[in-house]
Amino acid sequence: MIFADINIVDIFERFGVSLSFLVFLLWAVYKGFSWLGQNILLPLHQRHMVFIDRLESSIGEVAKAQAESLRILTEVLNYTRTLKKEVKHD
């Protein structure tokens, strides 16, 4: 294997500070994105899914309430029509 004979110290001596800085920068970016994903994005995603579940159930309750209101309004309209007919006949 090609990399088995290479010593890390020799690599740093050959390429100097710029390579070590690049390696450190890449490692820091990787760790930063890992932390961001674990501590920010995953909890945010989980809370969003809970919010959507609650929203779904709330919309279902609102739809039931609207259907009940429509039923009551229809009954009131029919009763009003009946009363109107009775008043015309008297």
Protein backbone atom coordinates (compact mmCIF):
# COMPACT_ATOMS: atom_id res chain seq x y z
CA MET A 1 0.00 0.00 0.00
CA ILE A 2 1.28 3.47 -0.85
CA PHE A 3 0.28 5.21 2.39
CA ALA A 4 1.72 2.55 4.72
CA ASP A 5 5.28 3.84 4.32
CA ILE A 6 4.44 7.53 4.76
CA ASN A 7 5.00 9.07 8.15
CA ILE A 8 2.67 11.89 9.22
CA VAL A 9 5.58 13.93 10.53
CA ASP A 10 7.27 13.71 7.13
CA ILE A 11 4.09 14.96 5.45
CA PHE A 12 3.89 17.96 7.79
CA GLU A 13 7.58 18.69 7.26
CA ARG A 14 7.16 18.55 3.50
CA PHE A 15 3.93 20.56 3.14
CA GLY A 16 4.32 22.75 6.19
CA VAL A 17 1.84 24.79 8.12
CA SER A 18 -0.62 25.24 5.25
CA LEU A 19 -1.46 21.53 5.10
CA SER A 20 -1.83 21.26 8.84
CA PHE A 21 -4.07 24.33 8.83
CA LEU A 22 -6.16 22.84 6.00
CA VAL A 23 -6.51 19.53 7.85
CA PHE A 24 -7.51 21.35 11.02
CA LEU A 25 -9.99 23.52 9.12
CA LEU A 26 -11.62 20.51 7.45
CA TRP A 27 -11.83 18.70 10.79
CA ALA A 28 -13.37 21.80 12.46
CA VAL A 29 -15.94 22.21 9.67
CA TYR A 30 -16.85 18.52 9.90
CA LYS A 31 -17.23 18.70 13.68
CA GLY A 32 -19.21 21.93 13.41
CA PHE A 33 -21.68 20.51 10.92
CA SER A 34 -21.98 17.32 12.97
CA TRP A 35 -22.79 19.36 16.08
CA LEU A 36 -25.23 21.53 14.13
CA GLY A 37 -27.02 18.47 12.79
CA GLN A 38 -27.25 16.73 16.14
CA ASN A 39 -28.09 19.70 18.36
CA ILE A 40 -30.07 21.98 16.06
CA LEU A 41 -31.45 20.27 12.97
CA LEU A 42 -32.62 16.94 14.44
CA PRO A 43 -34.50 18.50 17.40
CA LEU A 44 -35.97 21.10 15.05
CA HIS A 45 -37.15 18.37 12.68
CA GLN A 46 -38.68 16.38 15.55
CA ARG A 47 -40.51 19.42 16.91
CA HIS A 48 -41.77 20.23 13.43
CA MET A 49 -43.19 16.72 13.04
CA VAL A 50 -44.96 17.01 16.41
CA PHE A 51 -46.36 20.39 15.32
CA ILE A 52 -47.67 18.90 12.07
CA ASP A 53 -49.33 16.03 13.94
CA ARG A 54 -51.04 18.45 16.32
CA LEU A 55 -52.06 20.68 13.42
CA GLU A 56 -53.62 17.72 11.62
CA SER A 57 -55.74 16.82 14.64
CA SER A 58 -56.71 20.47 15.18
CA ILE A 59 -57.82 20.85 11.56
CA GLY A 60 -59.95 17.72 11.97
CA GLU A 61 -61.62 19.22 15.04
CA VAL A 62 -62.26 22.50 13.20
CA ALA A 63 -63.81 20.62 10.29
CA LYS A 64 -66.15 18.76 12.67
CA ALA A 65 -67.14 22.04 14.34
CA GLN A 66 -67.85 23.66 10.98
CA ALA A 67 -69.99 20.71 9.91
CA GLU A 68 -71.97 20.98 13.15
CA SER A 69 -72.39 24.73 12.66
CA LEU A 70 -73.64 24.15 9.12
CA ARG A 71 -76.13 21.60 10.39
CA ILE A 72 -77.44 24.04 13.02
CA LEU A 73 -77.65 26.89 10.50
CA THR A 74 -79.57 24.66 8.09
CA GLU A 75 -82.04 23.79 10.84
CA VAL A 76 -82.48 27.48 11.69
CA LEU A 77 -83.02 28.31 8.01
CA ASN A 78 -85.63 25.57 7.63
CA TYR A 79 -87.41 26.67 10.80
CA THR A 80 -87.38 30.29 9.57
CA ARG A 81 -88.88 29.24 6.24
CA THR A 82 -91.58 27.30 8.06
CA LEU A 83 -92.41 30.32 10.22
CA LYS A 84 -92.49 32.56 7.12
CA LYS A 85 -94.99 30.24 5.44
CA GLU A 86 -97.17 30.20 8.53
CA VAL A 87 -97.16 33.99 8.73
CA LYS A 88 -98.20 34.28 5.05
CA HIS A 89 -101.11 31.92 5.59
CA ASP A 90 -102.44 33.85 8.56
